[in-house]
Amino acid sequence: MNINDAIRTRIQQLCNEKGWLINELIRRSNVHQPTVSEFMRGKTKSPSIITITKISKGFELTLSEFFNDEIFLNLEEVEN
């Protein structure tokens, strides 16, 4: 799994835990709908750190809390 797959999985995991659809996350994080939707569908590669920060805040998490999950261990290296 690469970092983008892990971020997508983590977002979906957190939405499931809260009983939210992606639209609820978009509303709470104040990120443009196409930005989140296209990333979640794999249409765009990597979200910016600013976007991840807003998403984390939407979940009421810090960046550290967002990334503090075993899914981020042993990731594949990203090729340039």
PDB file of N, CA and C in Angstrom:
ATOM      1  N   MET A   1       0.856  -1.177   0.000  1.00  0.00           N
ATOM      2  CA  MET A   1       0.000   0.000   0.000  1.00  0.00           C
ATOM      3  C   MET A   1       0.897   1.233   0.000  1.00  0.00           C
ATOM      4  N   ASN A   2       0.542   2.219  -0.822  1.00  0.00           N
ATOM      5  CA  ASN A   2       1.317   3.453  -0.821  1.00  0.00           C
ATOM      6  C   ASN A   2       0.633   4.488   0.086  1.00  0.00           C
ATOM      7  N   ILE A   3       1.267   5.630   0.245  1.00  0.00           N
ATOM      8  CA  ILE A   3       0.771   6.646   1.165  1.00  0.00           C
ATOM      9  C   ILE A   3      -0.621   7.153   0.759  1.00  0.00           C
ATOM     10  N   ASN A   4      -0.852   7.326  -0.535  1.00  0.00           N
ATOM     11  CA  ASN A   4      -2.168   7.821  -0.977  1.00  0.00           C
ATOM     12  C   ASN A   4      -3.271   6.815  -0.677  1.00  0.00           C
ATOM     13  N   ASP A   5      -2.991   5.535  -0.906  1.00  0.00           N
ATOM     14  CA  ASP A   5      -3.965   4.498  -0.566  1.00  0.00           C
ATOM     15  C   ASP A   5      -4.237   4.492   0.938  1.00  0.00           C
ATOM     16  N   ALA A   6      -3.182   4.671   1.725  1.00  0.00           N
ATOM     17  CA  ALA A   6      -3.326   4.676   3.180  1.00  0.00           C
ATOM     18  C   ALA A   6      -4.167   5.868   3.643  1.00  0.00           C
ATOM     19  N   ILE A   7      -3.952   7.040   3.036  1.00  0.00           N
ATOM     20  CA  ILE A   7      -4.737   8.222   3.405  1.00  0.00           C
ATOM     21  C   ILE A   7      -6.208   7.997   3.052  1.00  0.00           C
ATOM     22  N   ARG A   8      -6.459   7.455   1.857  1.00  0.00           N
ATOM     23  CA  ARG A   8      -7.854   7.163   1.458  1.00  0.00           C
ATOM     24  C   ARG A   8      -8.508   6.195   2.439  1.00  0.00           C
ATOM     25  N   THR A   9      -7.778   5.142   2.782  1.00  0.00           N
ATOM     26  CA  THR A   9      -8.304   4.140   3.707  1.00  0.00           C
ATOM     27  C   THR A   9      -8.572   4.750   5.069  1.00  0.00           C
ATOM     28  N   ARG A  10      -7.663   5.594   5.536  1.00  0.00           N
ATOM     29  CA  ARG A  10      -7.831   6.237   6.842  1.00  0.00           C
ATOM     30  C   ARG A  10      -9.053   7.165   6.847  1.00  0.00           C
ATOM     31  N   ILE A  11      -9.231   7.922   5.779  1.00  0.00           N
ATOM     32  CA  ILE A  11     -10.400   8.799   5.682  1.00  0.00           C
ATOM     33  C   ILE A  11     -11.675   7.964   5.728  1.00  0.00           C
ATOM     34  N   GLN A  12     -11.713   6.905   4.954  1.00  0.00           N
ATOM     35  CA  GLN A  12     -12.904   6.055   4.922  1.00  0.00           C
ATOM     36  C   GLN A  12     -13.140   5.401   6.285  1.00  0.00           C
ATOM     37  N   GLN A  13     -12.060   4.968   6.928  1.00  0.00           N
ATOM     38  CA  GLN A  13     -12.149   4.358   8.255  1.00  0.00           C
ATOM     39  C   GLN A  13     -12.756   5.335   9.260  1.00  0.00           C
ATOM     40  N   LEU A  14     -12.270   6.561   9.259  1.00  0.00           N
ATOM     41  CA  LEU A  14     -12.764   7.566  10.198  1.00  0.00           C
ATOM     42  C   LEU A  14     -14.218   7.944   9.898  1.00  0.00           C
ATOM     43  N   CYS A  15     -14.559   8.048   8.617  1.00  0.00           N
ATOM     44  CA  CYS A  15     -15.959   8.320   8.258  1.00  0.00           C
ATOM     45  C   CYS A  15     -16.856   7.191   8.757  1.00  0.00           C
ATOM     46  N   ASN A  16     -16.424   5.955   8.563  1.00  0.00           N
ATOM     47  CA  ASN A  16     -17.210   4.807   9.020  1.00  0.00           C
ATOM     48  C   ASN A  16     -17.387   4.828  10.538  1.00  0.00           C
ATOM     49  N   GLU A  17     -16.308   5.140  11.264  1.00  0.00           N
ATOM     50  CA  GLU A  17     -16.376   5.193  12.726  1.00  0.00           C
ATOM     51  C   GLU A  17     -17.389   6.235  13.201  1.00  0.00           C
ATOM     52  N   LYS A  18     -17.462   7.354  12.475  1.00  0.00           N
ATOM     53  CA  LYS A  18     -18.366   8.439  12.872  1.00  0.00           C
ATOM     54  C   LYS A  18     -19.750   8.300  12.258  1.00  0.00           C
ATOM     55  N   GLY A  19     -19.911   7.345  11.351  1.00  0.00           N
ATOM     56  CA  GLY A  19     -21.188   7.173  10.674  1.00  0.00           C
ATOM     57  C   GLY A  19     -21.465   8.264   9.647  1.00  0.00           C
ATOM     58  N   TRP A  20     -20.399   8.814   9.068  1.00  0.00           N
ATOM     59  CA  TRP A  20     -20.514   9.901   8.112  1.00  0.00           C
ATOM     60  C   TRP A  20     -20.372   9.390   6.686  1.00  0.00           C
ATOM     61  N   LEU A  21     -21.018  10.088   5.768  1.00  0.00           N
ATOM     62  CA  LEU A  21     -20.707   9.974   4.354  1.00  0.00           C
ATOM     63  C   LEU A  21     -19.600  10.980   4.069  1.00  0.00           C
ATOM     64  N   ILE A  22     -18.945  10.837   2.944  1.00  0.00           N
ATOM     65  CA  ILE A  22     -17.874  11.766   2.576  1.00  0.00           C
ATOM     66  C   ILE A  22     -18.392  13.204   2.551  1.00  0.00           C
ATOM     67  N   ASN A  23     -19.641  13.396   2.152  1.00  0.00           N
ATOM     68  CA  ASN A  23     -20.200  14.757   2.108  1.00  0.00           C
ATOM     69  C   ASN A  23     -20.199  15.432   3.469  1.00  0.00           C
ATOM     70  N   GLU A  24     -20.394  14.661   4.532  1.00  0.00           N
ATOM     71  CA  GLU A  24     -20.348  15.240   5.882  1.00  0.00           C
ATOM     72  C   GLU A  24     -18.926  15.691   6.208  1.00  0.00           C
ATOM     73  N   LEU A  25     -17.947  14.896   5.828  1.00  0.00           N
ATOM     74  CA  LEU A  25     -16.550  15.292   6.032  1.00  0.00           C
ATOM     75  C   LEU A  25     -16.246  16.567   5.255  1.00  0.00           C
ATOM     76  N   ILE A  26     -16.690  16.634   4.023  1.00  0.00           N
ATOM     77  CA  ILE A  26     -16.463  17.821   3.190  1.00  0.00           C
ATOM     78  C   ILE A  26     -17.053  19.050   3.867  1.00  0.00           C
ATOM     79  N   ARG A  27     -18.259  18.922   4.372  1.00  0.00           N
ATOM     80  CA  ARG A  27     -18.911  20.051   5.059  1.00  0.00           C
ATOM     81  C   ARG A  27     -18.124  20.474   6.292  1.00  0.00           C
ATOM     82  N   ARG A  28     -17.703  19.511   7.081  1.00  0.00           N
ATOM     83  CA  ARG A  28     -17.020  19.821   8.344  1.00  0.00           C
ATOM     84  C   ARG A  28     -15.586  20.300   8.145  1.00  0.00           C
ATOM     85  N   SER A  29     -14.948  19.860   7.078  1.00  0.00           N
ATOM     86  CA  SER A  29     -13.541  20.217   6.873  1.00  0.00           C
ATOM     87  C   SER A  29     -13.358  21.461   6.013  1.00  0.00           C
ATOM     88  N   ASN A  30     -14.444  21.898   5.361  1.00  0.00           N
ATOM     89  CA  ASN A  30     -14.382  23.087   4.514  1.00  0.00           C
ATOM     90  C   ASN A  30     -13.363  22.927   3.379  1.00  0.00           C
ATOM     91  N   VAL A  31     -13.337  21.720   2.811  1.00  0.00           N
ATOM     92  CA  VAL A  31     -12.513  21.440   1.635  1.00  0.00           C
ATOM     93  C   VAL A  31     -13.470  21.330   0.458  1.00  0.00           C
ATOM     94  N   HIS A  32     -13.050  21.820  -0.691  1.00  0.00           N
ATOM     95  CA  HIS A  32     -13.906  21.762  -1.870  1.00  0.00           C
ATOM     96  C   HIS A  32     -14.269  20.320  -2.200  1.00  0.00           C
ATOM     97  N   GLN A  33     -15.529  20.120  -2.520  1.00  0.00           N
ATOM     98  CA  GLN A  33     -16.049  18.785  -2.814  1.00  0.00           C
ATOM     99  C   GLN A  33     -15.244  18.074  -3.897  1.00  0.00           C
ATOM    100  N   PRO A  34     -14.922  18.724  -5.034  1.00  0.00           N
ATOM    101  CA  PRO A  34     -14.154  18.003  -6.053  1.00  0.00           C
ATOM    102  C   PRO A  34     -12.769  17.552  -5.568  1.00  0.00           C
ATOM    103  N   THR A  35     -12.154  18.331  -4.698  1.00  0.00           N
ATOM    104  CA  THR A  35     -10.835  17.976  -4.174  1.00  0.00           C
ATOM    105  C   THR A  35     -10.896  16.649  -3.441  1.00  0.00           C
ATOM    106  N   VAL A  36     -11.857  16.505  -2.550  1.00  0.00           N
ATOM    107  CA  VAL A  36     -11.984  15.277  -1.767  1.00  0.00           C
ATOM    108  C   VAL A  36     -12.501  14.139  -2.641  1.00  0.00           C
ATOM    109  N   SER A  37     -13.525  14.386  -3.413  1.00  0.00           N
ATOM    110  CA  SER A  37     -14.129  13.333  -4.235  1.00  0.00           C
ATOM    111  C   SER A  37     -13.140  12.761  -5.241  1.00  0.00           C
ATOM    112  N   GLU A  38     -12.406  13.618  -5.919  1.00  0.00           N
ATOM    113  CA  GLU A  38     -11.449  13.145  -6.916  1.00  0.00           C
ATOM    114  C   GLU A  38     -10.306  12.370  -6.270  1.00  0.00           C
ATOM    115  N   PHE A  39      -9.854  12.810  -5.106  1.00  0.00           N
ATOM    116  CA  PHE A  39      -8.811  12.059  -4.402  1.00  0.00           C
ATOM    117  C   PHE A  39      -9.334  10.695  -3.956  1.00  0.00           C
ATOM    118  N   MET A  40     -10.522  10.672  -3.401  1.00  0.00           N
ATOM    119  CA  MET A  40     -11.082   9.414  -2.900  1.00  0.00           C
ATOM    120  C   MET A  40     -11.343   8.414  -4.024  1.00  0.00           C
ATOM    121  N   ARG A  41     -11.608   8.901  -5.229  1.00  0.00           N
ATOM    122  CA  ARG A  41     -11.814   8.025  -6.387  1.00  0.00           C
ATOM    123  C   ARG A  41     -10.505   7.686  -7.088  1.00  0.00           C
ATOM    124  N   GLY A  42      -9.388   8.250  -6.627  1.00  0.00           N
ATOM    125  CA  GLY A  42      -8.094   7.980  -7.240  1.00  0.00           C
ATOM    126  C   GLY A  42      -7.819   8.787  -8.488  1.00  0.00           C
ATOM    127  N   LYS A  43      -8.615   9.830  -8.717  1.00  0.00           N
ATOM    128  CA  LYS A  43      -8.440  10.672  -9.904  1.00  0.00           C
ATOM    129  C   LYS A  43      -7.275  11.647  -9.756  1.00  0.00           C
ATOM    130  N   THR A  44      -6.973  12.041  -8.523  1.00  0.00           N
ATOM    131  CA  THR A  44      -5.812  12.891  -8.261  1.00  0.00           C
ATOM    132  C   THR A  44      -4.872  12.121  -7.358  1.00  0.00           C
ATOM    133  N   LYS A  45      -3.590  12.440  -7.456  1.00  0.00           N
ATOM    134  CA  LYS A  45      -2.598  11.656  -6.738  1.00  0.00           C
ATOM    135  C   LYS A  45      -2.534  11.960  -5.249  1.00  0.00           C
ATOM    136  N   SER A  46      -1.934  13.060  -4.905  1.00  0.00           N
ATOM    137  CA  SER A  46      -1.666  13.348  -3.497  1.00  0.00           C
ATOM    138  C   SER A  46      -2.340  14.629  -3.042  1.00  0.00           C
ATOM    139  N   PRO A  47      -3.052  14.572  -1.927  1.00  0.00           N
ATOM    140  CA  PRO A  47      -3.603  15.820  -1.387  1.00  0.00           C
ATOM    141  C   PRO A  47      -2.471  16.641  -0.765  1.00  0.00           C
ATOM    142  N   SER A  48      -2.641  17.946  -0.755  1.00  0.00           N
ATOM    143  CA  SER A  48      -1.635  18.808  -0.132  1.00  0.00           C
ATOM    144  C   SER A  48      -1.703  18.652   1.379  1.00  0.00           C
ATOM    145  N   ILE A  49      -0.664  19.069   2.034  1.00  0.00           N
ATOM    146  CA  ILE A  49      -0.636  19.017   3.497  1.00  0.00           C
ATOM    147  C   ILE A  49      -1.723  19.931   4.067  1.00  0.00           C
ATOM    148  N   ILE A  50      -2.025  21.014   3.369  1.00  0.00           N
ATOM    149  CA  ILE A  50      -3.094  21.911   3.815  1.00  0.00           C
ATOM    150  C   ILE A  50      -4.436  21.186   3.764  1.00  0.00           C
ATOM    151  N   THR A  51      -4.685  20.440   2.694  1.00  0.00           N
ATOM    152  CA  THR A  51      -5.926  19.676   2.572  1.00  0.00           C
ATOM    153  C   THR A  51      -6.016  18.616   3.655  1.00  0.00           C
ATOM    154  N   ILE A  52      -4.921  17.897   3.908  1.00  0.00           N
ATOM    155  CA  ILE A  52      -4.929  16.866   4.944  1.00  0.00           C
ATOM    156  C   ILE A  52      -5.153  17.493   6.313  1.00  0.00           C
ATOM    157  N   THR A  53      -4.591  18.660   6.539  1.00  0.00           N
ATOM    158  CA  THR A  53      -4.797  19.368   7.805  1.00  0.00           C
ATOM    159  C   THR A  53      -6.271  19.736   7.978  1.00  0.00           C
ATOM    160  N   LYS A  54      -6.900  20.248   6.926  1.00  0.00           N
ATOM    161  CA  LYS A  54      -8.324  20.594   7.001  1.00  0.00           C
ATOM    162  C   LYS A  54      -9.185  19.354   7.233  1.00  0.00           C
ATOM    163  N   ILE A  55      -8.846  18.269   6.558  1.00  0.00           N
ATOM    164  CA  ILE A  55      -9.583  17.016   6.750  1.00  0.00           C
ATOM    165  C   ILE A  55      -9.426  16.536   8.189  1.00  0.00           C
ATOM    166  N   SER A  56      -8.218  16.591   8.708  1.00  0.00           N
ATOM    167  CA  SER A  56      -7.975  16.194  10.099  1.00  0.00           C
ATOM    168  C   SER A  56      -8.819  17.024  11.052  1.00  0.00           C
ATOM    169  N   LYS A  57      -8.842  18.339  10.829  1.00  0.00           N
ATOM    170  CA  LYS A  57      -9.649  19.223  11.676  1.00  0.00           C
ATOM    171  C   LYS A  57     -11.132  18.893  11.549  1.00  0.00           C
ATOM    172  N   GLY A  58     -11.560  18.515  10.348  1.00  0.00           N
ATOM    173  CA  GLY A  58     -12.948  18.102  10.154  1.00  0.00           C
ATOM    174  C   GLY A  58     -13.306  16.910  11.020  1.00  0.00           C
ATOM    175  N   PHE A  59     -12.339  16.032  11.236  1.00  0.00           N
ATOM    176  CA  PHE A  59     -12.535  14.882  12.120  1.00  0.00           C
ATOM    177  C   PHE A  59     -12.256  15.228  13.582  1.00  0.00           C
ATOM    178  N   GLU A  60     -11.891  16.487  13.838  1.00  0.00           N
ATOM    179  CA  GLU A  60     -11.494  16.953  15.170  1.00  0.00           C
ATOM    180  C   GLU A  60     -10.253  16.211  15.662  1.00  0.00           C
ATOM    181  N   LEU A  61      -9.300  16.042  14.736  1.00  0.00           N
ATOM    182  CA  LEU A  61      -8.029  15.386  15.030  1.00  0.00           C
ATOM    183  C   LEU A  61      -6.882  16.323  14.653  1.00  0.00           C
ATOM    184  N   THR A  62      -5.754  16.128  15.313  1.00  0.00           N
ATOM    185  CA  THR A  62      -4.533  16.788  14.867  1.00  0.00           C
ATOM    186  C   THR A  62      -3.946  15.956  13.727  1.00  0.00           C
ATOM    187  N   LEU A  63      -2.974  16.509  13.032  1.00  0.00           N
ATOM    188  CA  LEU A  63      -2.297  15.731  11.994  1.00  0.00           C
ATOM    189  C   LEU A  63      -1.659  14.483  12.594  1.00  0.00           C
ATOM    190  N   SER A  64      -1.059  14.630  13.761  1.00  0.00           N
ATOM    191  CA  SER A  64      -0.436  13.482  14.426  1.00  0.00           C
ATOM    192  C   SER A  64      -1.454  12.393  14.704  1.00  0.00           C
ATOM    193  N   GLU A  65      -2.617  12.782  15.173  1.00  0.00           N
ATOM    194  CA  GLU A  65      -3.666  11.792  15.457  1.00  0.00           C
ATOM    195  C   GLU A  65      -4.166  11.131  14.168  1.00  0.00           C
ATOM    196  N   PHE A  66      -4.294  11.917  13.104  1.00  0.00           N
ATOM    197  CA  PHE A  66      -4.733  11.359  11.831  1.00  0.00           C
ATOM    198  C   PHE A  66      -3.762  10.280  11.356  1.00  0.00           C
ATOM    199  N   PHE A  67      -2.466  10.583  11.423  1.00  0.00           N
ATOM    200  CA  PHE A  67      -1.451   9.655  10.923  1.00  0.00           C
ATOM    201  C   PHE A  67      -1.034   8.598  11.945  1.00  0.00           C
ATOM    202  N   ASN A  68      -1.532   8.682  13.160  1.00  0.00           N
ATOM    203  CA  ASN A  68      -1.193   7.710  14.197  1.00  0.00           C
ATOM    204  C   ASN A  68      -2.097   6.480  14.073  1.00  0.00           C
ATOM    205  N   ASP A  69      -1.840   5.692  13.046  1.00  0.00           N
ATOM    206  CA  ASP A  69      -2.623   4.492  12.783  1.00  0.00           C
ATOM    207  C   ASP A  69      -1.694   3.475  12.131  1.00  0.00           C
ATOM    208  N   GLU A  70      -1.902   2.218  12.441  1.00  0.00           N
ATOM    209  CA  GLU A  70      -1.018   1.181  11.916  1.00  0.00           C
ATOM    210  C   GLU A  70      -1.045   1.079  10.400  1.00  0.00           C
ATOM    211  N   ILE A  71      -2.058   1.635   9.771  1.00  0.00           N
ATOM    212  CA  ILE A  71      -2.132   1.598   8.312  1.00  0.00           C
ATOM    213  C   ILE A  71      -0.954   2.332   7.666  1.00  0.00           C
ATOM    214  N   PHE A  72      -0.348   3.276   8.392  1.00  0.00           N
ATOM    215  CA  PHE A  72       0.764   4.044   7.855  1.00  0.00           C
ATOM    216  C   PHE A  72       2.127   3.377   8.105  1.00  0.00           C
ATOM    217  N   LEU A  73       2.134   2.223   8.710  1.00  0.00           N
ATOM    218  CA  LEU A  73       3.377   1.485   8.907  1.00  0.00           C
ATOM    219  C   LEU A  73       3.671   0.660   7.650  1.00  0.00           C
ATOM    220  N   ASN A  74       4.939   0.518   7.333  1.00  0.00           N
ATOM    221  CA  ASN A  74       5.388  -0.343   6.231  1.00  0.00           C
ATOM    222  C   ASN A  74       4.767   0.019   4.886  1.00  0.00           C
ATOM    223  N   LEU A  75       4.725   1.290   4.574  1.00  0.00           N
ATOM    224  CA  LEU A  75       4.207   1.729   3.284  1.00  0.00           C
ATOM    225  C   LEU A  75       5.233   1.490   2.183  1.00  0.00           C
ATOM    226  N   GLU A  76       4.742   1.301   0.959  1.00  0.00           N
ATOM    227  CA  GLU A  76       5.638   1.197  -0.202  1.00  0.00           C
ATOM    228  C   GLU A  76       6.258   2.561  -0.434  1.00  0.00           C
ATOM    229  N   GLU A  77       7.453   2.541  -1.000  1.00  0.00           N
ATOM    230  CA  GLU A  77       8.085   3.806  -1.351  1.00  0.00           C
ATOM    231  C   GLU A  77       7.361   4.384  -2.561  1.00  0.00           C
ATOM    232  N   VAL A  78       7.253   5.701  -2.558  1.00  0.00           N
ATOM    233  CA  VAL A  78       6.614   6.401  -3.672  1.00  0.00           C
ATOM    234  C   VAL A  78       7.673   6.694  -4.732  1.00  0.00           C
ATOM    235  N   GLU A  79       7.364   6.335  -5.961  1.00  0.00           N
ATOM    236  CA  GLU A  79       8.274   6.632  -7.052  1.00  0.00           C
ATOM    237  C   GLU A  79       7.994   8.014  -7.595  1.00  0.00           C
ATOM    238  N   ASN A  80       9.041   8.725  -7.994  1.00  0.00           N
ATOM    239  CA  ASN A  80       8.877  10.075  -8.558  1.00  0.00           C
ATOM    240  C   ASN A  80       8.447  10.002  -9.990  1.00  0.00           C
TER     241      ASN A  80
END
